[in-house]
Amino acid sequence: MIEIEALTKTYVMGDEVIAALAGIDLSIGRGEHIAITGPSGSGKSTLMNVIGGLDRPTSGAYRFEDEPVAEFDDDELAGFRNRRIGFVFQSFQLLPRLTAVQNVELPMIYAGMAPADRKERAIQLLERVGLGHRLNNRPTQMSGGQQQRVAIARSLANSPDLLLADEPTGALDTATGQEVLALFDELNSQGLTLCIVTHDHEVAARAKRRVTFRDGHIVSDDRHAG
């Protein structure tokens, strides 16, 4: 699914050039469950942003099922993100004035789906993540775990090929975090490719493959049973 070759990302801070990614080579196959780990500042979140089309590499190649994402212009990147990628973040990033259904509908609005169709799909997705009883609640009326489930439902709105999750349990208590991770496991078992960025060893241990970053380099790439 993903082919990355000699990928770099540098930032200029004053007189200093920071290499967030220093020539990365990485392949991710369809249906994989991969954890990207490493200390803060190691490059793992930068890589996720590049894979998701939220940021551009400085140099190197990135192809997503033969699409040359590294060469896309802004409009092409926006379309790529909406069609191919689902995002889940630590801070949920729900709009506080919208209900659960309305939050889940947002990506479908950008995709041009008809109002009745997108509402029906939003309800189906919320029921799928166990929130059929919270359809009309706003984020402030839900627990952290429920808000993250809304965010997961939203990430699935346009049937993405890849789900990217950045520290998805970082704002949750242990028990709630385990429920969210179990939901990710279920989605992966149904064929969704899943990439989780985390510094939590227990979260990483659930993945079938663990890629570890340090100082912009991949220092290990291990596969296990999960």
Protein backbone atom coordinates (compact mmCIF):
# COMPACT_ATOMS: atom_id res chain seq x y z
CA MET A 1 0.00 0.00 0.00
CA ILE A 2 2.69 2.51 1.07
CA GLU A 3 6.18 2.82 -0.37
CA ILE A 4 8.53 5.40 1.14
CA GLU A 5 12.08 5.85 -0.14
CA ALA A 6 14.86 8.16 1.13
CA LEU A 7 12.25 10.43 2.73
CA THR A 8 13.53 13.54 4.51
CA LYS A 9 11.83 16.36 6.37
CA THR A 10 13.87 19.29 7.63
CA TYR A 11 12.88 22.42 9.53
CA VAL A 12 14.87 25.64 9.82
CA MET A 13 14.87 27.16 13.31
CA GLY A 14 16.98 30.31 13.31
CA ASP A 15 20.45 29.29 12.15
CA GLU A 16 19.81 25.62 12.86
CA VAL A 17 18.48 22.99 10.44
CA ILE A 18 16.55 20.20 12.20
CA ALA A 19 16.24 16.86 10.42
CA ALA A 20 12.94 15.43 11.67
CA LEU A 21 13.23 12.60 9.12
CA ALA A 22 16.68 11.67 7.87
CA GLY A 23 16.28 9.47 4.80
CA ILE A 24 13.52 7.00 5.75
CA ASP A 25 12.77 3.81 3.81
CA LEU A 26 9.53 2.08 4.79
CA SER A 27 6.87 -0.14 3.24
CA ILE A 28 3.43 -0.79 4.74
CA GLY A 29 1.19 -3.49 3.31
CA ARG A 30 -2.59 -3.43 3.06
CA GLY A 31 -4.22 -4.84 6.20
CA GLU A 32 -1.20 -4.34 8.46
CA HIS A 33 -1.46 -3.26 12.09
CA ILE A 34 1.67 -1.23 12.74
CA ALA A 35 2.82 0.82 15.72
CA ILE A 36 5.33 3.63 15.24
CA THR A 37 7.17 4.30 18.48
CA GLY A 38 10.03 6.35 19.83
CA PRO A 39 10.75 9.22 22.24
CA SER A 40 9.42 12.74 21.78
CA GLY A 41 11.15 14.46 18.88
CA SER A 42 12.20 11.19 17.24
CA GLY A 43 10.27 11.84 14.02
CA LYS A 44 7.31 9.48 14.44
CA SER A 45 4.59 12.15 14.36
CA THR A 46 6.31 13.89 11.45
CA LEU A 47 6.16 10.65 9.50
CA MET A 48 2.47 10.26 10.31
CA ASN A 49 1.79 13.78 9.09
CA VAL A 50 3.57 13.07 5.82
CA ILE A 51 1.80 9.74 5.31
CA GLY A 52 -1.55 11.40 5.99
CA GLY A 53 -0.89 14.29 3.63
CA LEU A 54 -0.90 16.84 6.45
CA ASP A 55 2.70 17.81 5.70
CA ARG A 56 5.06 17.57 2.75
CA PRO A 57 8.45 15.86 2.73
CA THR A 58 11.53 17.93 1.96
CA SER A 59 12.81 15.24 -0.39
CA GLY A 60 12.33 11.59 -1.24
CA ALA A 61 9.47 9.53 -2.62
CA TYR A 62 6.12 8.59 -1.08
CA ARG A 63 3.65 6.53 -3.08
CA PHE A 64 0.26 5.35 -1.86
CA GLU A 65 -0.97 2.50 -4.06
CA ASP A 66 1.09 4.00 -6.90
CA GLU A 67 -0.19 7.54 -6.33
CA PRO A 68 2.84 9.92 -6.06
CA VAL A 69 1.64 11.71 -2.93
CA ALA A 70 4.93 13.57 -2.42
CA GLU A 71 4.29 15.34 -5.74
CA PHE A 72 0.68 16.38 -5.07
CA ASP A 73 -0.37 20.03 -5.02
CA ASP A 74 -2.56 21.39 -2.22
CA ASP A 75 -5.87 20.46 -3.86
CA GLU A 76 -4.66 16.96 -4.67
CA LEU A 77 -3.46 16.50 -1.09
CA ALA A 78 -6.83 17.61 0.30
CA GLY A 79 -8.63 15.14 -1.95
CA PHE A 80 -6.21 12.38 -1.01
CA ARG A 81 -6.75 12.95 2.71
CA ASN A 82 -10.52 12.92 2.38
CA ARG A 83 -10.65 9.84 0.11
CA ARG A 84 -7.95 7.58 1.47
CA ILE A 85 -7.08 8.47 5.09
CA GLY A 86 -8.91 8.43 8.41
CA PHE A 87 -7.41 10.36 11.34
CA VAL A 88 -7.77 9.85 15.10
CA PHE A 89 -5.99 12.26 17.45
CA GLN A 90 -5.26 12.32 21.17
CA SER A 91 -7.35 15.47 21.65
CA PHE A 92 -10.37 14.09 19.70
CA GLN A 93 -10.73 17.35 17.69
CA LEU A 94 -14.52 17.30 17.72
CA LEU A 95 -16.45 20.52 17.11
CA PRO A 96 -18.09 21.37 20.46
CA ARG A 97 -21.29 22.89 19.08
CA LEU A 98 -22.12 19.90 16.89
CA THR A 99 -23.82 16.67 17.94
CA ALA A 100 -22.13 13.30 17.55
CA VAL A 101 -24.01 12.70 14.29
CA GLN A 102 -23.06 16.13 12.93
CA ASN A 103 -19.39 15.62 13.81
CA VAL A 104 -19.32 12.29 11.99
CA GLU A 105 -21.08 13.83 8.97
CA LEU A 106 -18.35 16.45 8.40
CA PRO A 107 -15.98 14.44 6.15
CA MET A 108 -18.97 13.32 4.09
CA ILE A 109 -20.04 16.94 3.56
CA TYR A 110 -16.60 17.68 2.08
CA ALA A 111 -16.93 14.56 -0.06
CA GLY A 112 -20.21 15.87 -1.49
CA MET A 113 -22.51 13.17 -0.10
CA ALA A 114 -26.23 13.91 -0.04
CA PRO A 115 -27.60 15.05 3.38
CA ALA A 116 -29.91 12.07 3.92
CA ASP A 117 -27.23 9.58 2.93
CA ARG A 118 -24.55 11.08 5.14
CA LYS A 119 -26.87 11.24 8.17
CA GLU A 120 -27.83 7.60 7.68
CA ARG A 121 -24.17 6.57 7.42
CA ALA A 122 -23.19 8.67 10.45
CA ILE A 123 -25.84 6.91 12.55
CA GLN A 124 -24.66 3.50 11.31
CA LEU A 125 -21.04 4.32 12.21
CA LEU A 126 -21.94 5.59 15.68
CA GLU A 127 -23.95 2.43 16.30
CA ARG A 128 -20.95 0.42 15.09
CA VAL A 129 -18.73 2.00 17.77
CA GLY A 130 -21.36 1.51 20.47
CA LEU A 131 -22.81 5.03 20.59
CA GLY A 132 -26.26 4.52 19.18
CA HIS A 133 -27.63 6.04 22.39
CA ARG A 134 -25.50 9.21 22.09
CA LEU A 135 -26.39 10.36 18.58
CA ASN A 136 -27.60 13.83 19.55
CA ASN A 137 -25.18 14.51 22.40
CA ARG A 138 -22.51 17.17 22.05
CA PRO A 139 -18.90 16.48 23.07
CA THR A 140 -19.32 18.20 26.46
CA GLN A 141 -22.11 15.73 27.25
CA MET A 142 -19.87 12.71 26.68
CA SER A 143 -16.95 11.08 28.47
CA GLY A 144 -13.46 11.08 26.99
CA GLY A 145 -13.85 7.53 25.79
CA GLN A 146 -17.17 8.33 24.12
CA GLN A 147 -15.66 11.36 22.43
CA GLN A 148 -12.83 9.23 21.07
CA ARG A 149 -15.37 6.74 19.73
CA VAL A 150 -17.12 9.59 17.93
CA ALA A 151 -13.72 10.57 16.50
CA ILE A 152 -13.17 6.97 15.34
CA ALA A 153 -16.62 6.89 13.72
CA ARG A 154 -15.79 10.17 11.97
CA SER A 155 -12.47 8.74 10.74
CA LEU A 156 -14.39 5.90 9.05
CA ALA A 157 -16.93 8.18 7.35
CA ASN A 158 -15.50 7.97 3.83
CA SER A 159 -14.39 4.32 4.06
CA PRO A 160 -10.65 5.10 4.23
CA ASP A 161 -7.94 2.69 3.12
CA LEU A 162 -5.71 3.67 6.06
CA LEU A 163 -6.48 4.74 9.62
CA LEU A 164 -3.80 6.90 11.29
CA ALA A 165 -4.03 7.32 15.06
CA ASP A 166 -1.70 9.67 16.96
CA GLU A 167 -1.53 8.78 20.68
CA PRO A 168 -5.23 7.80 20.57
CA THR A 169 -5.36 6.71 24.23
CA GLY A 170 -3.16 9.48 25.64
CA ALA A 171 -6.08 11.44 27.12
CA LEU A 172 -7.96 8.37 28.41
CA ASP A 173 -7.83 6.34 31.61
CA THR A 174 -6.45 2.81 31.35
CA ALA A 175 -9.76 0.95 31.17
CA THR A 176 -11.24 3.31 28.57
CA GLY A 177 -8.02 3.19 26.59
CA GLN A 178 -8.22 -0.58 26.46
CA GLU A 179 -11.79 -0.36 25.10
CA VAL A 180 -10.63 1.97 22.32
CA LEU A 181 -7.69 -0.30 21.48
CA ALA A 182 -10.04 -3.29 21.33
CA LEU A 183 -12.13 -1.35 18.81
CA PHE A 184 -9.00 -0.73 16.73
CA ASP A 185 -8.18 -4.44 16.87
CA GLU A 186 -11.68 -5.24 15.61
CA LEU A 187 -11.40 -2.76 12.74
CA ASN A 188 -8.04 -4.22 11.72
CA SER A 189 -9.43 -7.76 11.87
CA GLN A 190 -12.05 -6.59 9.35
CA GLY A 191 -9.30 -5.56 6.93
CA LEU A 192 -8.62 -1.90 7.74
CA THR A 193 -4.94 -0.94 7.61
CA LEU A 194 -4.04 0.62 10.95
CA CYS A 195 -1.03 2.75 11.88
CA ILE A 196 -0.76 3.96 15.49
CA VAL A 197 1.84 6.50 16.63
CA THR A 198 2.54 6.01 20.32
CA HIS A 199 5.18 6.18 23.03
CA ASP A 200 3.15 3.73 25.16
CA HIS A 201 4.75 0.28 25.10
CA GLU A 202 1.47 -1.46 26.00
CA VAL A 203 -0.29 0.19 23.05
CA ALA A 204 2.57 -0.75 20.72
CA ALA A 205 2.55 -4.34 21.96
CA ARG A 206 -0.94 -4.87 20.53
CA ALA A 207 0.30 -4.21 17.00
CA LYS A 208 1.68 -6.99 14.81
CA ARG A 209 4.58 -4.81 13.71
CA ARG A 210 6.55 -2.19 15.62
CA VAL A 211 8.76 0.42 13.94
CA THR A 212 10.95 2.40 16.35
CA PHE A 213 12.34 5.85 15.61
CA ARG A 214 15.24 7.74 17.11
CA ASP A 215 16.64 11.07 15.91
CA GLY A 216 14.85 10.90 12.58
CA HIS A 217 16.00 7.36 11.79
CA ILE A 218 14.32 3.95 11.95
CA VAL A 219 16.34 1.95 14.46
CA SER A 220 14.24 -1.23 14.49
CA ASP A 221 11.39 -2.83 12.57
CA ASP A 222 10.00 -5.89 14.34
CA ARG A 223 7.08 -8.15 13.52
CA HIS A 224 5.34 -10.30 16.12
CA ALA A 225 2.06 -11.99 16.80
CA GLY A 226 0.44 -8.96 18.45
